Amino acid sequence: MENINTDHGTIGRCPDNRMDRHAWVLESHDKDIQRIEKQVEVLSSSLTTIAETLTQIKYFCVGALSLLVLNAFGITETIKAILLK
């Protein structure tokens, strides 16, 4: 068994002496790709949650701004007068 030296450092011992260096590196890359794909799924889920939260904040701000505009024109007073009749 031998250590496989790559540009990224030593990746470990080859468990099977019959396996050549390229197959060993390819297997290592496959494991790295699988790990990265899992991380992408987690990050994608996190980004979706962040986007949903930002959408809620946006609509909260739109509602607050609308209320301020209605107060500036006195429409809320008119609505109160109509509802309290």
Protein backbone atom coordinates (compact mmCIF):
# COMPACT_ATOMS: atom_id res chain seq x y z
CA MET A 1 0.00 0.00 0.00
CA GLU A 2 1.23 3.45 -0.81
CA ASN A 3 0.28 7.03 -0.16
CA ILE A 4 -1.06 8.88 -3.18
CA ASN A 5 0.43 12.36 -3.52
CA THR A 6 -1.65 14.86 -5.46
CA ASP A 7 -1.53 18.59 -6.01
CA HIS A 8 -3.79 18.92 -2.95
CA GLY A 9 -1.59 16.82 -0.68
CA THR A 10 -1.53 13.18 0.29
CA ILE A 11 -4.96 11.58 0.10
CA GLY A 12 -4.14 8.41 1.99
CA ARG A 13 -3.19 4.85 1.40
CA CYS A 14 -4.46 2.88 -1.52
CA PRO A 15 -6.43 -0.03 -0.02
CA ASP A 16 -5.90 -2.27 -3.04
CA ASN A 17 -2.47 -2.52 -4.63
CA ARG A 18 -4.07 -3.51 -7.94
CA MET A 19 -5.95 -0.23 -8.12
CA ASP A 20 -3.94 2.26 -10.11
CA ARG A 21 -3.38 5.86 -9.07
CA HIS A 22 -5.94 7.33 -11.48
CA ALA A 23 -8.76 5.12 -10.26
CA TRP A 24 -7.86 5.95 -6.65
CA VAL A 25 -7.89 9.71 -7.37
CA LEU A 26 -11.14 9.37 -9.33
CA GLU A 27 -12.77 7.64 -6.36
CA SER A 28 -11.55 10.40 -4.07
CA HIS A 29 -12.98 13.04 -6.39
CA ASP A 30 -16.29 11.21 -6.53
CA LYS A 31 -16.52 11.31 -2.73
CA ASP A 32 -15.68 15.03 -2.76
CA ILE A 33 -18.38 15.71 -5.35
CA GLN A 34 -20.98 13.84 -3.29
CA ARG A 35 -20.02 15.85 -0.20
CA ILE A 36 -20.25 19.11 -2.15
CA GLU A 37 -23.67 18.15 -3.58
CA LYS A 38 -24.97 17.62 -0.03
CA GLN A 39 -23.63 21.03 0.98
CA VAL A 40 -25.31 22.61 -2.05
CA GLU A 41 -28.66 21.11 -0.98
CA VAL A 42 -28.28 22.54 2.53
CA LEU A 43 -27.25 25.97 1.22
CA SER A 44 -30.10 25.98 -1.28
CA SER A 45 -32.58 25.27 1.50
CA SER A 46 -31.07 28.05 3.61
CA LEU A 47 -31.24 30.52 0.74
CA THR A 48 -34.89 29.64 0.13
CA THR A 49 -35.69 30.32 3.79
CA ILE A 50 -33.84 33.64 3.65
CA ALA A 51 -35.74 34.64 0.50
CA GLU A 52 -39.07 33.82 2.16
CA THR A 53 -38.15 35.91 5.21
CA LEU A 54 -37.16 38.86 3.01
CA THR A 55 -40.49 38.60 1.19
CA GLN A 56 -42.34 38.77 4.52
CA ILE A 57 -40.31 41.84 5.53
CA LYS A 58 -41.08 43.48 2.19
CA TYR A 59 -44.84 43.03 2.58
CA PHE A 60 -44.70 44.22 6.19
CA CYS A 61 -42.97 47.41 5.00
CA VAL A 62 -45.47 47.88 2.17
CA GLY A 63 -48.33 47.56 4.65
CA ALA A 64 -46.76 50.02 7.08
CA LEU A 65 -46.06 52.50 4.32
CA SER A 66 -49.62 52.16 3.03
CA LEU A 67 -50.95 52.88 6.51
CA LEU A 68 -48.79 56.00 6.75
CA VAL A 69 -50.02 57.24 3.38
CA LEU A 70 -53.64 56.61 4.37
CA ASN A 71 -53.10 58.53 7.61
CA ALA A 72 -51.55 61.44 5.71
CA PHE A 73 -54.66 61.76 3.54
CA GLY A 74 -57.01 61.32 6.51
CA ILE A 75 -58.67 58.28 4.97
CA THR A 76 -58.38 56.31 8.21
CA GLU A 77 -60.45 58.97 9.99
CA THR A 78 -63.11 58.64 7.31
CA ILE A 79 -63.13 54.85 7.66
CA LYS A 80 -63.38 55.12 11.44
CA ALA A 81 -66.33 57.51 11.12
CA ILE A 82 -68.10 55.18 8.73
CA LEU A 83 -67.51 52.09 10.87
CA LEU A 84 -68.50 53.77 14.15
CA LYS A 85 -71.88 55.04 12.83
